[in-house]
Amino acid sequence: MRNSVTNFQLVIKAYLDELSQIDEQFAVKYQSAEKSIEECCAYIISEMKKLAQNGGMGATDDEVYGLAIHYYLEDELDADLHFTNSVSIVSNQFIDLTEEEKAEAKQAAIAQYQREQLSKMQSRKKKVSISKTDVQPSLFDF
């Protein structure tokens, strides 16, 4: 299943693969078993979140690729590499999906929609619960 984060990872990986074929010194760092494309993309997102204003951030390709290269070249990074899926990534790169991948994405979207609707229905049921209140008799009621 591919989502916007996975597509983002594919675009970054393709760029870094190409760079590693051109630059032998980078290729050595890029092959490190201690680093991964998932953590690289999490690092990029983490750095972008630091710069974001009002919940949004735009960056050029060079800025994003520069962060990816930085991730692989630095031995120690001070970043939160765990992010939630609440991040929305828009890329100017086109990823061509196979028919099977399109079907998987459609099924995933349907499942996510169903979970959201079920969650809404369950939260409504919780709100509707009737609580019993004890009424004390008043001196003025006869």
N, C-alpha and C. Protein backbone atom coordinates (compact mmCIF):
# COMPACT_ATOMS: atom_id res chain seq x y z
N MET A 1 0.84 -1.17 0.00
CA MET A 1 0.00 0.00 0.00
C MET A 1 0.89 1.24 0.00
N ARG A 2 0.61 2.17 -0.87
CA ARG A 2 1.38 3.40 -0.94
C ARG A 2 0.50 4.57 -0.55
N ASN A 3 1.02 5.43 0.28
CA ASN A 3 0.33 6.66 0.62
C ASN A 3 1.28 7.81 0.30
N SER A 4 0.92 9.03 0.71
CA SER A 4 1.75 10.17 0.36
C SER A 4 3.14 10.07 0.96
N VAL A 5 3.26 9.50 2.16
CA VAL A 5 4.58 9.36 2.78
C VAL A 5 5.41 8.35 2.01
N THR A 6 4.81 7.23 1.62
CA THR A 6 5.54 6.22 0.86
C THR A 6 5.97 6.77 -0.49
N ASN A 7 5.12 7.52 -1.16
CA ASN A 7 5.50 8.14 -2.43
C ASN A 7 6.65 9.11 -2.21
N PHE A 8 6.60 9.85 -1.14
CA PHE A 8 7.67 10.77 -0.77
C PHE A 8 8.98 9.98 -0.61
N GLN A 9 8.90 8.85 0.07
CA GLN A 9 10.08 8.01 0.27
C GLN A 9 10.64 7.52 -1.06
N LEU A 10 9.76 7.14 -1.97
CA LEU A 10 10.21 6.66 -3.28
C LEU A 10 10.93 7.75 -4.07
N VAL A 11 10.41 8.97 -4.01
CA VAL A 11 11.04 10.08 -4.72
C VAL A 11 12.41 10.38 -4.13
N ILE A 12 12.50 10.43 -2.80
CA ILE A 12 13.78 10.70 -2.14
C ILE A 12 14.76 9.58 -2.43
N LYS A 13 14.31 8.34 -2.35
CA LYS A 13 15.19 7.20 -2.62
C LYS A 13 15.72 7.23 -4.04
N ALA A 14 14.87 7.54 -5.00
CA ALA A 14 15.31 7.60 -6.40
C ALA A 14 16.40 8.65 -6.57
N TYR A 15 16.23 9.80 -5.93
CA TYR A 15 17.23 10.86 -6.01
C TYR A 15 18.55 10.40 -5.38
N LEU A 16 18.46 9.81 -4.20
CA LEU A 16 19.67 9.38 -3.50
C LEU A 16 20.36 8.22 -4.21
N ASP A 17 19.59 7.32 -4.82
CA ASP A 17 20.18 6.24 -5.62
C ASP A 17 21.00 6.81 -6.76
N GLU A 18 20.43 7.79 -7.43
CA GLU A 18 21.13 8.43 -8.56
C GLU A 18 22.39 9.14 -8.08
N LEU A 19 22.28 9.86 -6.96
CA LEU A 19 23.44 10.57 -6.42
C LEU A 19 24.53 9.59 -6.01
N SER A 20 24.16 8.45 -5.45
CA SER A 20 25.16 7.47 -5.01
C SER A 20 25.92 6.86 -6.19
N GLN A 21 25.31 6.84 -7.36
CA GLN A 21 25.99 6.34 -8.55
C GLN A 21 27.01 7.34 -9.08
N ILE A 22 26.79 8.62 -8.80
CA ILE A 22 27.66 9.69 -9.27
C ILE A 22 28.77 9.99 -8.27
N ASP A 23 28.45 9.98 -7.00
CA ASP A 23 29.37 10.39 -5.94
C ASP A 23 29.75 9.18 -5.09
N GLU A 24 30.99 8.70 -5.24
CA GLU A 24 31.44 7.50 -4.54
C GLU A 24 31.52 7.71 -3.02
N GLN A 25 31.91 8.91 -2.58
CA GLN A 25 31.99 9.18 -1.14
C GLN A 25 30.59 9.15 -0.52
N PHE A 26 29.62 9.71 -1.21
CA PHE A 26 28.26 9.66 -0.70
C PHE A 26 27.75 8.23 -0.69
N ALA A 27 28.10 7.46 -1.72
CA ALA A 27 27.64 6.07 -1.83
C ALA A 27 28.03 5.26 -0.61
N VAL A 28 29.22 5.52 -0.07
CA VAL A 28 29.68 4.79 1.12
C VAL A 28 28.77 5.09 2.30
N LYS A 29 28.45 6.35 2.52
CA LYS A 29 27.56 6.75 3.63
C LYS A 29 26.14 6.25 3.39
N TYR A 30 25.71 6.29 2.14
CA TYR A 30 24.35 5.91 1.77
C TYR A 30 24.10 4.42 2.03
N GLN A 31 25.12 3.60 1.94
CA GLN A 31 24.98 2.16 2.14
C GLN A 31 25.00 1.75 3.61
N SER A 32 25.12 2.72 4.51
CA SER A 32 25.18 2.44 5.95
C SER A 32 23.93 1.68 6.39
N ALA A 33 24.16 0.61 7.14
CA ALA A 33 23.04 -0.19 7.66
C ALA A 33 22.34 0.51 8.82
N GLU A 34 22.98 1.53 9.39
CA GLU A 34 22.41 2.25 10.53
C GLU A 34 21.35 3.26 10.11
N LYS A 35 21.28 3.54 8.83
CA LYS A 35 20.35 4.56 8.34
C LYS A 35 19.36 3.91 7.37
N SER A 36 18.18 4.52 7.27
CA SER A 36 17.17 3.97 6.37
C SER A 36 16.44 5.11 5.68
N ILE A 37 15.81 4.80 4.57
CA ILE A 37 15.06 5.82 3.82
C ILE A 37 13.86 6.29 4.64
N GLU A 38 13.27 5.39 5.44
CA GLU A 38 12.14 5.77 6.28
C GLU A 38 12.56 6.82 7.31
N GLU A 39 13.71 6.56 7.97
CA GLU A 39 14.21 7.53 8.95
C GLU A 39 14.68 8.81 8.27
N CYS A 40 15.22 8.69 7.07
CA CYS A 40 15.63 9.87 6.31
C CYS A 40 14.43 10.78 6.06
N CYS A 41 13.35 10.21 5.61
CA CYS A 41 12.15 11.00 5.33
C CYS A 41 11.54 11.54 6.63
N ALA A 42 11.61 10.76 7.70
CA ALA A 42 11.14 11.25 8.99
C ALA A 42 11.99 12.43 9.45
N TYR A 43 13.29 12.37 9.19
CA TYR A 43 14.18 13.48 9.53
C TYR A 43 13.79 14.73 8.73
N ILE A 44 13.54 14.57 7.45
CA ILE A 44 13.14 15.71 6.62
C ILE A 44 11.86 16.33 7.15
N ILE A 45 10.87 15.49 7.45
CA ILE A 45 9.60 15.98 7.97
C ILE A 45 9.80 16.67 9.32
N SER A 46 10.64 16.09 10.16
CA SER A 46 10.92 16.68 11.47
C SER A 46 11.53 18.07 11.32
N GLU A 47 12.47 18.21 10.40
CA GLU A 47 13.11 19.51 10.17
C GLU A 47 12.12 20.51 9.57
N MET A 48 11.26 20.06 8.71
CA MET A 48 10.26 20.94 8.11
C MET A 48 9.24 21.40 9.15
N LYS A 49 8.88 20.50 10.07
CA LYS A 49 7.95 20.87 11.14
C LYS A 49 8.52 21.98 12.00
N LYS A 50 9.85 21.96 12.21
CA LYS A 50 10.50 23.00 13.01
C LYS A 50 10.37 24.36 12.33
N LEU A 51 10.35 24.37 11.01
CA LEU A 51 10.28 25.61 10.25
C LEU A 51 8.85 26.05 9.92
N ALA A 52 7.91 25.16 10.13
CA ALA A 52 6.51 25.42 9.72
C ALA A 52 5.90 26.56 10.52
N GLN A 53 5.09 27.31 9.82
CA GLN A 53 4.32 28.38 10.46
C GLN A 53 2.85 28.15 10.13
N ASN A 54 2.00 28.26 11.13
CA ASN A 54 0.56 28.07 10.95
C ASN A 54 0.24 26.70 10.37
N GLY A 55 1.03 25.70 10.71
CA GLY A 55 0.75 24.33 10.30
C GLY A 55 1.11 23.98 8.87
N GLY A 56 1.77 24.89 8.15
CA GLY A 56 2.12 24.59 6.76
C GLY A 56 3.55 24.97 6.47
N MET A 57 4.15 24.28 5.51
CA MET A 57 5.53 24.55 5.15
C MET A 57 5.72 24.18 3.69
N GLY A 58 6.38 25.04 2.98
CA GLY A 58 6.74 24.76 1.60
C GLY A 58 8.25 24.74 1.48
N ALA A 59 8.76 23.91 0.61
CA ALA A 59 10.21 23.82 0.43
C ALA A 59 10.50 23.49 -1.02
N THR A 60 11.66 23.94 -1.47
CA THR A 60 12.08 23.63 -2.83
C THR A 60 12.65 22.21 -2.86
N ASP A 61 12.76 21.67 -4.06
CA ASP A 61 13.37 20.35 -4.21
C ASP A 61 14.77 20.33 -3.62
N ASP A 62 15.55 21.38 -3.90
CA ASP A 62 16.93 21.45 -3.41
C ASP A 62 16.99 21.43 -1.88
N GLU A 63 16.06 22.11 -1.22
CA GLU A 63 16.04 22.11 0.23
C GLU A 63 15.75 20.72 0.78
N VAL A 64 14.78 20.05 0.18
CA VAL A 64 14.41 18.72 0.65
C VAL A 64 15.53 17.72 0.37
N TYR A 65 16.08 17.75 -0.84
CA TYR A 65 17.17 16.84 -1.17
C TYR A 65 18.40 17.14 -0.32
N GLY A 66 18.63 18.42 0.00
CA GLY A 66 19.74 18.80 0.86
C GLY A 66 19.61 18.19 2.25
N LEU A 67 18.39 18.18 2.79
CA LEU A 67 18.15 17.55 4.09
C LEU A 67 18.38 16.03 4.02
N ALA A 68 17.98 15.43 2.91
CA ALA A 68 18.18 13.99 2.74
C ALA A 68 19.68 13.66 2.72
N ILE A 69 20.44 14.45 2.00
CA ILE A 69 21.89 14.24 1.93
C ILE A 69 22.50 14.45 3.31
N HIS A 70 22.07 15.51 3.99
CA HIS A 70 22.56 15.82 5.34
C HIS A 70 22.32 14.65 6.28
N TYR A 71 21.15 14.04 6.19
CA TYR A 71 20.82 12.90 7.04
C TYR A 71 21.85 11.79 6.89
N TYR A 72 22.23 11.49 5.65
CA TYR A 72 23.16 10.40 5.42
C TYR A 72 24.61 10.78 5.73
N LEU A 73 24.95 12.04 5.61
CA LEU A 73 26.34 12.45 5.85
C LEU A 73 26.66 12.64 7.33
N GLU A 74 25.69 13.03 8.12
CA GLU A 74 25.93 13.27 9.54
C GLU A 74 25.84 11.97 10.33
N ASP A 75 26.77 11.82 11.26
CA ASP A 75 26.76 10.61 12.09
C ASP A 75 25.72 10.69 13.20
N GLU A 76 25.60 11.86 13.80
CA GLU A 76 24.63 12.02 14.88
C GLU A 76 23.72 13.19 14.56
N LEU A 77 22.44 12.94 14.63
CA LEU A 77 21.45 13.98 14.35
C LEU A 77 20.58 14.18 15.58
N ASP A 78 20.25 15.42 15.86
CA ASP A 78 19.37 15.74 16.97
C ASP A 78 17.99 16.02 16.38
N ALA A 79 17.22 14.95 16.19
CA ALA A 79 15.89 15.11 15.59
C ALA A 79 14.96 14.02 16.08
N ASP A 80 13.69 14.34 16.10
CA ASP A 80 12.66 13.35 16.44
C ASP A 80 12.31 12.62 15.15
N LEU A 81 12.73 11.37 15.05
CA LEU A 81 12.51 10.61 13.82
C LEU A 81 11.22 9.81 13.85
N HIS A 82 10.37 10.10 14.81
CA HIS A 82 9.07 9.43 14.87
C HIS A 82 8.00 10.49 14.65
N PHE A 83 7.24 10.32 13.61
CA PHE A 83 6.19 11.27 13.32
C PHE A 83 4.90 10.53 13.08
N THR A 84 3.83 11.25 13.21
CA THR A 84 2.52 10.64 13.01
C THR A 84 2.13 10.74 11.55
N ASN A 85 1.10 10.02 11.20
CA ASN A 85 0.62 10.07 9.82
C ASN A 85 -0.25 11.30 9.56
N SER A 86 -0.27 12.21 10.51
CA SER A 86 -1.06 13.42 10.32
C SER A 86 -0.36 14.41 9.40
N VAL A 87 0.76 14.01 8.85
CA VAL A 87 1.50 14.87 7.95
C VAL A 87 0.97 14.68 6.53
N SER A 88 0.73 15.79 5.87
CA SER A 88 0.27 15.73 4.49
C SER A 88 1.41 16.22 3.61
N ILE A 89 1.83 15.40 2.68
CA ILE A 89 2.97 15.73 1.82
C ILE A 89 2.48 15.87 0.39
N VAL A 90 2.86 16.97 -0.22
CA VAL A 90 2.52 17.20 -1.61
C VAL A 90 3.84 17.28 -2.38
N SER A 91 3.93 16.51 -3.42
CA SER A 91 5.16 16.45 -4.20
C SER A 91 4.89 16.82 -5.65
N ASN A 92 5.87 17.42 -6.28
CA ASN A 92 5.74 17.74 -7.70
C ASN A 92 6.25 16.60 -8.57
N GLN A 93 6.60 15.49 -7.94
CA GLN A 93 7.07 14.31 -8.66
C GLN A 93 5.90 13.36 -8.87
N PHE A 94 5.80 12.78 -10.04
CA PHE A 94 4.72 11.86 -10.36
C PHE A 94 5.18 10.42 -10.16
N ILE A 95 4.39 9.66 -9.42
CA ILE A 95 4.66 8.25 -9.21
C ILE A 95 3.59 7.46 -9.96
N ASP A 96 4.00 6.67 -10.93
CA ASP A 96 3.07 5.90 -11.73
C ASP A 96 2.78 4.59 -11.00
N LEU A 97 1.52 4.39 -10.63
CA LEU A 97 1.13 3.19 -9.91
C LEU A 97 0.63 2.12 -10.87
N THR A 98 0.90 0.87 -10.53
CA THR A 98 0.37 -0.24 -11.30
C THR A 98 -1.11 -0.38 -10.95
N GLU A 99 -1.83 -1.15 -11.75
CA GLU A 99 -3.25 -1.38 -11.47
C GLU A 99 -3.44 -2.05 -10.12
N GLU A 100 -2.54 -2.96 -9.76
CA GLU A 100 -2.61 -3.64 -8.47
C GLU A 100 -2.42 -2.63 -7.33
N GLU A 101 -1.46 -1.74 -7.48
CA GLU A 101 -1.22 -0.72 -6.45
C GLU A 101 -2.40 0.24 -6.34
N LYS A 102 -3.01 0.57 -7.47
CA LYS A 102 -4.20 1.43 -7.44
C LYS A 102 -5.34 0.75 -6.70
N ALA A 103 -5.52 -0.55 -6.94
CA ALA A 103 -6.57 -1.30 -6.27
C ALA A 103 -6.30 -1.37 -4.77
N GLU A 104 -5.03 -1.58 -4.38
CA GLU A 104 -4.67 -1.60 -2.96
C GLU A 104 -4.94 -0.24 -2.32
N ALA A 105 -4.58 0.83 -3.00
CA ALA A 105 -4.80 2.17 -2.47
C ALA A 105 -6.30 2.44 -2.30
N LYS A 106 -7.10 1.97 -3.27
CA LYS A 106 -8.54 2.17 -3.19
C LYS A 106 -9.11 1.41 -1.99
N GLN A 107 -8.68 0.16 -1.81
CA GLN A 107 -9.15 -0.64 -0.68
C GLN A 107 -8.73 -0.01 0.65
N ALA A 108 -7.52 0.52 0.69
CA ALA A 108 -7.04 1.17 1.91
C ALA A 108 -7.86 2.41 2.21
N ALA A 109 -8.19 3.17 1.20
CA ALA A 109 -8.99 4.38 1.38
C ALA A 109 -10.40 4.03 1.86
N ILE A 110 -10.97 2.98 1.30
CA ILE A 110 -12.30 2.53 1.72
C ILE A 110 -12.26 2.07 3.17
N ALA A 111 -11.24 1.31 3.53
CA ALA A 111 -11.11 0.82 4.91
C ALA A 111 -10.94 1.98 5.88
N GLN A 112 -10.13 2.97 5.50
CA GLN A 112 -9.94 4.13 6.36
C GLN A 112 -11.24 4.90 6.52
N TYR A 113 -11.98 5.08 5.44
CA TYR A 113 -13.27 5.77 5.50
C TYR A 113 -14.23 5.02 6.42
N GLN A 114 -14.27 3.70 6.29
CA GLN A 114 -15.15 2.90 7.14
C GLN A 114 -14.78 3.03 8.62
N ARG A 115 -13.48 3.02 8.91
CA ARG A 115 -13.04 3.19 10.30
C ARG A 115 -13.46 4.55 10.84
N GLU A 116 -13.30 5.59 10.02
CA GLU A 116 -13.69 6.94 10.45
C GLU A 116 -15.19 7.02 10.73
N GLN A 117 -15.99 6.44 9.84
CA GLN A 117 -17.43 6.47 10.03
C GLN A 117 -17.85 5.68 11.26
N LEU A 118 -17.24 4.54 11.47
CA LEU A 118 -17.53 3.72 12.64
C LEU A 118 -17.17 4.48 13.92
N SER A 119 -16.04 5.14 13.89
CA SER A 119 -15.61 5.93 15.04
C SER A 119 -16.60 7.05 15.33
N LYS A 120 -17.11 7.71 14.30
CA LYS A 120 -18.10 8.77 14.48
C LYS A 120 -19.38 8.21 15.09
N MET A 121 -19.80 7.06 14.58
CA MET A 121 -21.03 6.44 15.10
C MET A 121 -20.86 6.04 16.56
N GLN A 122 -19.71 5.50 16.91
CA GLN A 122 -19.47 5.08 18.28
C GLN A 122 -19.40 6.28 19.21
N SER A 123 -18.83 7.39 18.74
CA SER A 123 -18.74 8.57 19.59
C SER A 123 -20.12 9.19 19.80
N ARG A 124 -21.01 9.07 18.82
CA ARG A 124 -22.39 9.57 18.99
C ARG A 124 -23.11 8.77 20.05
N LYS A 125 -22.93 7.45 20.04
CA LYS A 125 -23.60 6.59 21.03
C LYS A 125 -23.15 6.95 22.43
N LYS A 126 -21.90 7.28 22.59
CA LYS A 126 -21.39 7.62 23.91
C LYS A 126 -21.99 8.94 24.40
N LYS A 127 -22.19 9.89 23.51
CA LYS A 127 -22.73 11.19 23.87
C LYS A 127 -24.21 11.10 24.25
N VAL A 128 -24.94 10.16 23.66
CA VAL A 128 -26.37 10.05 23.85
C VAL A 128 -26.72 9.37 25.16
N SER A 129 -25.77 8.79 25.82
CA SER A 129 -26.07 8.05 27.05
C SER A 129 -26.80 8.93 28.05
N ILE A 130 -27.87 8.37 28.62
CA ILE A 130 -28.73 9.10 29.54
C ILE A 130 -28.26 8.82 30.95
N SER A 131 -28.08 9.88 31.68
CA SER A 131 -27.67 9.69 33.07
C SER A 131 -28.87 9.96 33.98
N LYS A 132 -29.00 9.15 34.99
CA LYS A 132 -30.12 9.26 35.92
C LYS A 132 -29.74 10.28 36.98
N THR A 133 -30.62 11.23 37.18
CA THR A 133 -30.37 12.24 38.22
C THR A 133 -31.37 12.05 39.34
N ASP A 134 -30.91 12.22 40.54
CA ASP A 134 -31.79 12.13 41.70
C ASP A 134 -32.43 13.49 41.92
N VAL A 135 -33.76 13.49 42.03
CA VAL A 135 -34.50 14.72 42.25
C VAL A 135 -34.96 14.75 43.70
N GLN A 136 -34.59 15.79 44.36
CA GLN A 136 -35.02 15.93 45.75
C GLN A 136 -36.36 16.66 45.79
N PRO A 137 -37.22 16.18 46.63
CA PRO A 137 -38.53 16.87 46.71
C PRO A 137 -38.35 18.28 47.27
N SER A 138 -39.17 19.16 46.79
CA SER A 138 -39.13 20.55 47.23
C SER A 138 -40.18 20.76 48.30
N LEU A 139 -39.94 21.69 49.18
CA LEU A 139 -40.91 22.03 50.21
C LEU A 139 -42.18 22.65 49.62
N PHE A 140 -42.06 23.18 48.45
CA PHE A 140 -43.18 23.88 47.83
C PHE A 140 -44.03 22.96 46.95
N ASP A 141 -43.59 21.75 46.72
CA ASP A 141 -44.35 20.80 45.92
C ASP A 141 -45.30 20.02 46.82
N PHE A 142 -46.61 20.10 46.58
CA PHE A 142 -47.59 19.34 47.38
C PHE A 142 -48.33 18.38 46.55
